[in-house]
Amino acid sequence: MAACAAAGFPARVGHSSGYKGWMDGRLYEQLPEKKDHAFSDEPFELGNNHGRVFGPLAKGGAHYFIASFSREKVAPVSKIKHRYSSFNQARDRFSAGLDRGGAYRIAAFESLGNAIIGDPALTTGDHDGVAARLVAEKKD
């Protein structure tokens, strides 16, 4: 959680919670654990990138996390006040923040082979099927 805050994404109130992530045959609770919180680069009243992290899975001497982030626009006078804007922008902003924060570095962008582009029956946006793979920097 400290690395998320250092990346410019502290845990903030105003987001849905209670999600789970699936890794290696098991469900993991979301981080942050606090109800109605997510990691976010701005308060929920403003346009923001926000998301949840799941894990850790300890395997082979390493710890693995997965995450899901999205960007939303806020339209205070609209009936729907929070509108989805982009998965890709949020992924890129969060991973770049972690990389700048020094605890992690971007190792690669990996194709997951599950891109859904331009099909409004299946997605609301720009899911390109690419994940940012980050690795923890060794501490001296």
N, C-alpha and C. Protein backbone atom coordinates (compact mmCIF):
# COMPACT_ATOMS: atom_id res chain seq x y z
N MET A 1 0.82 -1.18 0.00
CA MET A 1 0.00 0.00 0.00
C MET A 1 0.87 1.25 0.00
N ALA A 2 2.01 1.17 0.64
CA ALA A 2 2.91 2.33 0.65
C ALA A 2 3.43 2.62 -0.75
N ALA A 3 3.70 1.58 -1.54
CA ALA A 3 4.17 1.78 -2.91
C ALA A 3 3.09 2.44 -3.77
N CYS A 4 1.83 2.08 -3.54
CA CYS A 4 0.73 2.70 -4.29
C CYS A 4 0.64 4.18 -3.95
N ALA A 5 0.74 4.51 -2.67
CA ALA A 5 0.69 5.91 -2.26
C ALA A 5 1.88 6.68 -2.84
N ALA A 6 3.07 6.08 -2.82
CA ALA A 6 4.26 6.73 -3.38
C ALA A 6 4.13 6.93 -4.88
N ALA A 7 3.33 6.09 -5.53
CA ALA A 7 3.09 6.19 -6.97
C ALA A 7 2.04 7.25 -7.30
N GLY A 8 1.47 7.88 -6.26
CA GLY A 8 0.44 8.88 -6.47
C GLY A 8 -0.97 8.32 -6.41
N PHE A 9 -1.10 7.09 -5.90
CA PHE A 9 -2.39 6.41 -5.81
C PHE A 9 -2.67 5.96 -4.37
N PRO A 10 -2.91 6.89 -3.46
CA PRO A 10 -3.26 6.46 -2.10
C PRO A 10 -4.65 5.83 -2.09
N ALA A 11 -4.96 5.11 -1.03
CA ALA A 11 -6.32 4.57 -0.86
C ALA A 11 -7.25 5.75 -0.58
N ARG A 12 -8.35 5.81 -1.34
CA ARG A 12 -9.31 6.91 -1.17
C ARG A 12 -10.73 6.36 -1.13
N VAL A 13 -11.56 7.05 -0.39
CA VAL A 13 -12.98 6.70 -0.28
C VAL A 13 -13.71 7.15 -1.55
N GLY A 14 -14.88 6.55 -1.78
CA GLY A 14 -15.74 6.97 -2.88
C GLY A 14 -15.77 6.02 -4.05
N HIS A 15 -15.20 4.84 -3.89
CA HIS A 15 -15.17 3.86 -4.96
C HIS A 15 -15.79 2.55 -4.48
N SER A 16 -16.33 1.79 -5.41
CA SER A 16 -16.91 0.50 -5.03
C SER A 16 -15.81 -0.43 -4.52
N SER A 17 -16.21 -1.40 -3.73
CA SER A 17 -15.24 -2.31 -3.12
C SER A 17 -15.84 -3.71 -3.03
N GLY A 18 -15.07 -4.62 -2.48
CA GLY A 18 -15.54 -5.99 -2.31
C GLY A 18 -15.19 -6.92 -3.46
N TYR A 19 -14.30 -6.50 -4.34
CA TYR A 19 -13.92 -7.31 -5.50
C TYR A 19 -12.93 -8.39 -5.09
N LYS A 20 -12.80 -9.39 -5.96
CA LYS A 20 -11.84 -10.46 -5.76
C LYS A 20 -11.08 -10.70 -7.06
N GLY A 21 -9.85 -11.15 -6.93
CA GLY A 21 -9.02 -11.49 -8.08
C GLY A 21 -8.65 -12.96 -8.04
N TRP A 22 -8.57 -13.60 -9.20
CA TRP A 22 -8.31 -15.03 -9.32
C TRP A 22 -6.88 -15.26 -9.80
N MET A 23 -6.10 -15.98 -8.98
CA MET A 23 -4.74 -16.38 -9.36
C MET A 23 -4.47 -17.79 -8.89
N ASP A 24 -3.93 -18.59 -9.76
CA ASP A 24 -3.44 -19.92 -9.41
C ASP A 24 -4.49 -20.75 -8.66
N GLY A 25 -5.75 -20.68 -9.15
CA GLY A 25 -6.80 -21.51 -8.58
C GLY A 25 -7.40 -21.01 -7.28
N ARG A 26 -7.21 -19.74 -6.97
CA ARG A 26 -7.71 -19.21 -5.70
C ARG A 26 -8.14 -17.75 -5.83
N LEU A 27 -9.11 -17.36 -5.02
CA LEU A 27 -9.57 -15.97 -4.98
C LEU A 27 -8.79 -15.18 -3.93
N TYR A 28 -8.47 -13.94 -4.27
CA TYR A 28 -7.78 -13.04 -3.35
C TYR A 28 -8.64 -11.80 -3.15
N GLU A 29 -8.73 -11.34 -1.91
CA GLU A 29 -9.49 -10.14 -1.59
C GLU A 29 -8.78 -8.91 -2.16
N GLN A 30 -9.55 -7.87 -2.40
CA GLN A 30 -8.95 -6.65 -2.93
C GLN A 30 -8.19 -5.88 -1.86
N LEU A 31 -7.18 -5.20 -2.32
CA LEU A 31 -6.49 -4.17 -1.56
C LEU A 31 -6.80 -2.86 -2.27
N PRO A 32 -7.12 -1.81 -1.59
CA PRO A 32 -7.23 -1.71 -0.14
C PRO A 32 -8.45 -2.46 0.38
N GLU A 33 -8.36 -2.89 1.63
CA GLU A 33 -9.42 -3.71 2.23
C GLU A 33 -10.59 -2.88 2.74
N LYS A 34 -10.39 -1.61 2.99
CA LYS A 34 -11.43 -0.77 3.60
C LYS A 34 -12.62 -0.59 2.65
N LYS A 35 -13.82 -0.68 3.22
CA LYS A 35 -15.05 -0.56 2.43
C LYS A 35 -15.10 0.77 1.69
N ASP A 36 -15.57 0.70 0.44
CA ASP A 36 -15.74 1.88 -0.42
C ASP A 36 -14.44 2.62 -0.72
N HIS A 37 -13.33 1.89 -0.74
CA HIS A 37 -12.03 2.48 -1.05
C HIS A 37 -11.40 1.79 -2.26
N ALA A 38 -10.59 2.54 -2.98
CA ALA A 38 -9.75 2.04 -4.05
C ALA A 38 -8.49 2.90 -4.06
N PHE A 39 -7.47 2.43 -4.77
CA PHE A 39 -6.28 3.26 -4.98
C PHE A 39 -6.63 4.24 -6.09
N SER A 40 -6.43 5.53 -5.85
CA SER A 40 -6.88 6.54 -6.81
C SER A 40 -5.93 7.73 -6.83
N ASP A 41 -5.74 8.29 -8.02
CA ASP A 41 -4.84 9.44 -8.14
C ASP A 41 -5.52 10.78 -7.89
N GLU A 42 -6.83 10.78 -7.73
CA GLU A 42 -7.58 11.99 -7.40
C GLU A 42 -8.79 11.60 -6.56
N PRO A 43 -9.37 12.54 -5.83
CA PRO A 43 -10.62 12.24 -5.12
C PRO A 43 -11.72 11.83 -6.12
N PHE A 44 -12.70 11.08 -5.65
CA PHE A 44 -13.75 10.56 -6.53
C PHE A 44 -14.61 11.67 -7.14
N GLU A 45 -14.60 12.85 -6.55
CA GLU A 45 -15.39 13.95 -7.08
C GLU A 45 -14.78 14.53 -8.36
N LEU A 46 -13.55 14.16 -8.67
CA LEU A 46 -12.84 14.63 -9.86
C LEU A 46 -12.59 13.46 -10.80
N GLY A 47 -12.30 13.77 -12.06
CA GLY A 47 -11.87 12.71 -12.96
C GLY A 47 -10.65 12.02 -12.36
N ASN A 48 -10.59 10.69 -12.45
CA ASN A 48 -9.50 9.99 -11.77
C ASN A 48 -9.22 8.64 -12.41
N ASN A 49 -8.04 8.14 -12.13
CA ASN A 49 -7.66 6.77 -12.42
C ASN A 49 -7.72 6.04 -11.09
N HIS A 50 -8.39 4.91 -11.06
CA HIS A 50 -8.53 4.20 -9.78
C HIS A 50 -8.57 2.70 -10.03
N GLY A 51 -8.24 1.94 -8.99
CA GLY A 51 -8.27 0.50 -9.15
C GLY A 51 -8.00 -0.24 -7.86
N ARG A 52 -7.97 -1.55 -8.03
CA ARG A 52 -7.77 -2.45 -6.90
C ARG A 52 -6.63 -3.40 -7.22
N VAL A 53 -5.95 -3.84 -6.18
CA VAL A 53 -4.84 -4.78 -6.29
C VAL A 53 -5.24 -6.04 -5.53
N PHE A 54 -4.83 -7.20 -6.02
CA PHE A 54 -5.19 -8.47 -5.41
C PHE A 54 -3.93 -9.30 -5.19
N GLY A 55 -3.87 -9.99 -4.05
CA GLY A 55 -2.74 -10.83 -3.73
C GLY A 55 -2.28 -10.54 -2.31
N PRO A 56 -1.09 -10.99 -1.97
CA PRO A 56 -0.10 -11.62 -2.83
C PRO A 56 -0.22 -13.14 -2.89
N LEU A 57 0.16 -13.68 -4.02
CA LEU A 57 0.34 -15.11 -4.20
C LEU A 57 1.83 -15.37 -4.03
N ALA A 58 2.19 -16.18 -3.04
CA ALA A 58 3.59 -16.56 -2.83
C ALA A 58 3.84 -17.86 -3.59
N LYS A 59 4.79 -17.82 -4.52
CA LYS A 59 5.07 -19.00 -5.33
C LYS A 59 6.49 -18.92 -5.88
N GLY A 60 7.23 -20.01 -5.73
CA GLY A 60 8.58 -20.07 -6.29
C GLY A 60 9.52 -19.00 -5.77
N GLY A 61 9.37 -18.63 -4.51
CA GLY A 61 10.25 -17.63 -3.93
C GLY A 61 9.90 -16.19 -4.30
N ALA A 62 8.77 -16.00 -4.98
CA ALA A 62 8.34 -14.65 -5.37
C ALA A 62 6.92 -14.39 -4.87
N HIS A 63 6.54 -13.14 -4.88
CA HIS A 63 5.17 -12.74 -4.52
C HIS A 63 4.55 -12.06 -5.73
N TYR A 64 3.34 -12.49 -6.08
CA TYR A 64 2.65 -11.99 -7.25
C TYR A 64 1.39 -11.24 -6.85
N PHE A 65 1.14 -10.14 -7.53
CA PHE A 65 -0.08 -9.36 -7.38
C PHE A 65 -0.68 -9.18 -8.76
N ILE A 66 -1.99 -9.05 -8.83
CA ILE A 66 -2.66 -8.62 -10.05
C ILE A 66 -3.45 -7.36 -9.70
N ALA A 67 -3.80 -6.59 -10.70
CA ALA A 67 -4.52 -5.34 -10.44
C ALA A 67 -5.45 -5.04 -11.60
N SER A 68 -6.46 -4.26 -11.30
CA SER A 68 -7.41 -3.80 -12.32
C SER A 68 -7.66 -2.32 -12.09
N PHE A 69 -7.39 -1.51 -13.11
CA PHE A 69 -7.53 -0.06 -13.01
C PHE A 69 -8.35 0.48 -14.17
N SER A 70 -9.05 1.57 -13.92
CA SER A 70 -9.79 2.26 -14.98
C SER A 70 -9.79 3.76 -14.72
N ARG A 71 -10.00 4.50 -15.79
CA ARG A 71 -10.12 5.96 -15.70
C ARG A 71 -11.59 6.31 -15.82
N GLU A 72 -12.04 7.25 -14.99
CA GLU A 72 -13.41 7.72 -15.10
C GLU A 72 -13.44 9.24 -15.19
N LYS A 73 -14.41 9.72 -15.97
CA LYS A 73 -14.67 11.15 -16.06
C LYS A 73 -15.85 11.45 -15.15
N VAL A 74 -15.83 12.61 -14.56
CA VAL A 74 -16.92 13.02 -13.68
C VAL A 74 -17.69 14.14 -14.37
N ALA A 75 -19.01 13.96 -14.43
CA ALA A 75 -19.92 14.96 -15.01
C ALA A 75 -20.96 15.29 -13.95
N PRO A 76 -20.71 16.28 -13.10
CA PRO A 76 -21.56 16.54 -11.94
C PRO A 76 -23.02 16.84 -12.25
N VAL A 77 -23.32 17.39 -13.42
CA VAL A 77 -24.72 17.73 -13.73
C VAL A 77 -25.41 16.66 -14.57
N SER A 78 -24.71 15.59 -14.89
CA SER A 78 -25.28 14.50 -15.68
C SER A 78 -26.01 13.52 -14.77
N LYS A 79 -26.96 12.76 -15.35
CA LYS A 79 -27.67 11.73 -14.58
C LYS A 79 -26.68 10.68 -14.09
N ILE A 80 -25.79 10.24 -14.97
CA ILE A 80 -24.71 9.33 -14.58
C ILE A 80 -23.47 10.19 -14.35
N LYS A 81 -23.10 10.34 -13.11
CA LYS A 81 -22.05 11.30 -12.74
C LYS A 81 -20.64 10.79 -12.96
N HIS A 82 -20.45 9.48 -12.88
CA HIS A 82 -19.13 8.89 -13.08
C HIS A 82 -19.19 7.99 -14.31
N ARG A 83 -18.48 8.37 -15.35
CA ARG A 83 -18.48 7.60 -16.60
C ARG A 83 -17.10 7.00 -16.84
N TYR A 84 -17.12 5.73 -17.23
CA TYR A 84 -15.89 5.05 -17.63
C TYR A 84 -15.24 5.84 -18.76
N SER A 85 -13.91 5.91 -18.75
CA SER A 85 -13.20 6.61 -19.81
C SER A 85 -12.14 5.72 -20.48
N SER A 86 -11.30 5.01 -19.69
CA SER A 86 -10.24 4.22 -20.31
C SER A 86 -9.63 3.23 -19.32
N PHE A 87 -9.40 2.02 -19.80
CA PHE A 87 -8.60 1.06 -19.03
C PHE A 87 -7.12 1.34 -19.26
N ASN A 88 -6.76 1.59 -20.51
CA ASN A 88 -5.36 1.72 -20.88
C ASN A 88 -4.69 2.92 -20.22
N GLN A 89 -5.36 4.06 -20.20
CA GLN A 89 -4.77 5.24 -19.56
C GLN A 89 -4.50 4.99 -18.09
N ALA A 90 -5.44 4.34 -17.42
CA ALA A 90 -5.27 4.06 -15.99
C ALA A 90 -4.13 3.08 -15.75
N ARG A 91 -4.06 2.03 -16.56
CA ARG A 91 -2.96 1.06 -16.45
C ARG A 91 -1.62 1.75 -16.62
N ASP A 92 -1.52 2.58 -17.65
CA ASP A 92 -0.26 3.24 -17.94
C ASP A 92 0.13 4.23 -16.85
N ARG A 93 -0.83 4.95 -16.34
CA ARG A 93 -0.54 5.95 -15.29
C ARG A 93 -0.09 5.26 -13.99
N PHE A 94 -0.81 4.19 -13.60
CA PHE A 94 -0.46 3.48 -12.37
C PHE A 94 0.91 2.81 -12.49
N SER A 95 1.15 2.11 -13.58
CA SER A 95 2.44 1.41 -13.73
C SER A 95 3.59 2.41 -13.82
N ALA A 96 3.40 3.52 -14.51
CA ALA A 96 4.45 4.54 -14.58
C ALA A 96 4.71 5.15 -13.21
N GLY A 97 3.67 5.34 -12.42
CA GLY A 97 3.83 5.86 -11.06
C GLY A 97 4.62 4.91 -10.18
N LEU A 98 4.32 3.62 -10.29
CA LEU A 98 5.09 2.64 -9.51
C LEU A 98 6.55 2.63 -9.95
N ASP A 99 6.77 2.73 -11.25
CA ASP A 99 8.13 2.75 -11.78
C ASP A 99 8.89 3.98 -11.28
N ARG A 100 8.25 5.14 -11.31
CA ARG A 100 8.88 6.37 -10.81
C ARG A 100 9.12 6.33 -9.31
N GLY A 101 8.23 5.63 -8.59
CA GLY A 101 8.34 5.56 -7.13
C GLY A 101 9.56 4.81 -6.64
N GLY A 102 10.17 3.99 -7.49
CA GLY A 102 11.42 3.34 -7.16
C GLY A 102 11.33 1.95 -6.57
N ALA A 103 10.19 1.56 -6.04
CA ALA A 103 10.08 0.22 -5.45
C ALA A 103 9.87 -0.85 -6.52
N TYR A 104 9.34 -0.44 -7.67
CA TYR A 104 9.07 -1.37 -8.77
C TYR A 104 9.57 -0.74 -10.06
N ARG A 105 9.83 -1.59 -11.04
CA ARG A 105 10.15 -1.08 -12.37
C ARG A 105 9.32 -1.85 -13.39
N ILE A 106 8.99 -1.17 -14.47
CA ILE A 106 8.25 -1.81 -15.55
C ILE A 106 9.22 -2.72 -16.28
N ALA A 107 8.93 -4.02 -16.30
CA ALA A 107 9.78 -4.99 -16.97
C ALA A 107 9.33 -5.20 -18.41
N ALA A 108 8.02 -5.16 -18.64
CA ALA A 108 7.49 -5.41 -19.99
C ALA A 108 6.00 -5.11 -20.01
N PHE A 109 5.49 -4.96 -21.21
CA PHE A 109 4.05 -4.95 -21.43
C PHE A 109 3.74 -6.25 -22.15
N GLU A 110 2.89 -7.07 -21.53
CA GLU A 110 2.63 -8.43 -22.01
C GLU A 110 1.24 -8.54 -22.60
N SER A 111 1.15 -9.13 -23.79
CA SER A 111 -0.15 -9.41 -24.39
C SER A 111 -0.76 -10.61 -23.68
N LEU A 112 -1.99 -10.46 -23.25
CA LEU A 112 -2.71 -11.56 -22.61
C LEU A 112 -3.53 -12.35 -23.63
N GLY A 113 -3.55 -11.89 -24.87
CA GLY A 113 -4.29 -12.59 -25.92
C GLY A 113 -5.80 -12.50 -25.75
N ASN A 114 -6.27 -11.46 -25.08
CA ASN A 114 -7.72 -11.34 -24.85
C ASN A 114 -8.24 -9.95 -25.18
N ALA A 115 -7.64 -9.28 -26.15
CA ALA A 115 -8.07 -7.93 -26.52
C ALA A 115 -9.51 -7.95 -27.01
N ILE A 116 -10.26 -6.94 -26.60
CA ILE A 116 -11.63 -6.73 -27.07
C ILE A 116 -11.68 -5.29 -27.53
N ILE A 117 -11.63 -5.08 -28.83
CA ILE A 117 -11.58 -3.72 -29.36
C ILE A 117 -12.74 -3.50 -30.31
N GLY A 118 -13.49 -2.44 -30.07
CA GLY A 118 -14.53 -2.04 -31.00
C GLY A 118 -15.77 -2.90 -31.03
N ASP A 119 -16.06 -3.64 -29.98
CA ASP A 119 -17.28 -4.45 -29.93
C ASP A 119 -18.12 -4.02 -28.73
N PRO A 120 -19.08 -3.11 -28.95
CA PRO A 120 -19.86 -2.59 -27.83
C PRO A 120 -20.72 -3.63 -27.12
N ALA A 121 -20.89 -4.80 -27.73
CA ALA A 121 -21.64 -5.86 -27.06
C ALA A 121 -20.80 -6.53 -25.98
N LEU A 122 -19.47 -6.38 -26.06
CA LEU A 122 -18.58 -7.07 -25.13
C LEU A 122 -17.83 -6.16 -24.18
N THR A 123 -17.63 -4.92 -24.54
CA THR A 123 -16.87 -4.02 -23.68
C THR A 123 -17.32 -2.58 -23.86
N THR A 124 -17.07 -1.79 -22.87
CA THR A 124 -17.42 -0.37 -22.94
C THR A 124 -16.23 0.47 -23.36
N GLY A 125 -15.09 -0.16 -23.63
CA GLY A 125 -13.95 0.71 -23.90
C GLY A 125 -12.79 0.08 -24.59
N ASP A 126 -11.61 0.50 -24.17
CA ASP A 126 -10.37 0.25 -24.89
C ASP A 126 -9.55 -0.89 -24.30
N HIS A 127 -10.17 -1.98 -23.94
CA HIS A 127 -9.43 -3.12 -23.39
C HIS A 127 -8.55 -3.71 -24.49
N ASP A 128 -7.24 -3.48 -24.41
CA ASP A 128 -6.34 -3.93 -25.47
C ASP A 128 -5.67 -5.26 -25.16
N GLY A 129 -5.99 -5.87 -24.04
CA GLY A 129 -5.44 -7.18 -23.71
C GLY A 129 -3.98 -7.15 -23.31
N VAL A 130 -3.48 -6.00 -22.91
CA VAL A 130 -2.08 -5.87 -22.53
C VAL A 130 -1.99 -5.57 -21.03
N ALA A 131 -1.09 -6.28 -20.37
CA ALA A 131 -0.84 -6.05 -18.95
C ALA A 131 0.57 -5.49 -18.78
N ALA A 132 0.72 -4.58 -17.85
CA ALA A 132 2.05 -4.10 -17.48
C ALA A 132 2.61 -5.08 -16.46
N ARG A 133 3.80 -5.60 -16.73
CA ARG A 133 4.47 -6.49 -15.77
C ARG A 133 5.54 -5.68 -15.07
N LEU A 134 5.39 -5.59 -13.75
CA LEU A 134 6.35 -4.85 -12.93
C LEU A 134 7.09 -5.82 -12.03
N VAL A 135 8.32 -5.51 -11.72
CA VAL A 135 9.09 -6.34 -10.79
C VAL A 135 9.60 -5.45 -9.66
N ALA A 136 9.67 -6.04 -8.48
CA ALA A 136 10.17 -5.30 -7.32
C ALA A 136 11.67 -5.09 -7.46
N GLU A 137 12.10 -3.91 -7.12
CA GLU A 137 13.53 -3.60 -7.11
C GLU A 137 14.13 -4.16 -5.83
N LYS A 138 15.29 -4.75 -5.94
CA LYS A 138 15.97 -5.29 -4.76
C LYS A 138 16.45 -4.16 -3.88
N LYS A 139 16.26 -4.35 -2.58
CA LYS A 139 16.74 -3.36 -1.61
C LYS A 139 18.13 -3.77 -1.15
N ASP A 140 19.02 -2.81 -1.03
CA ASP A 140 20.39 -3.11 -0.57
C ASP A 140 20.44 -3.24 0.92
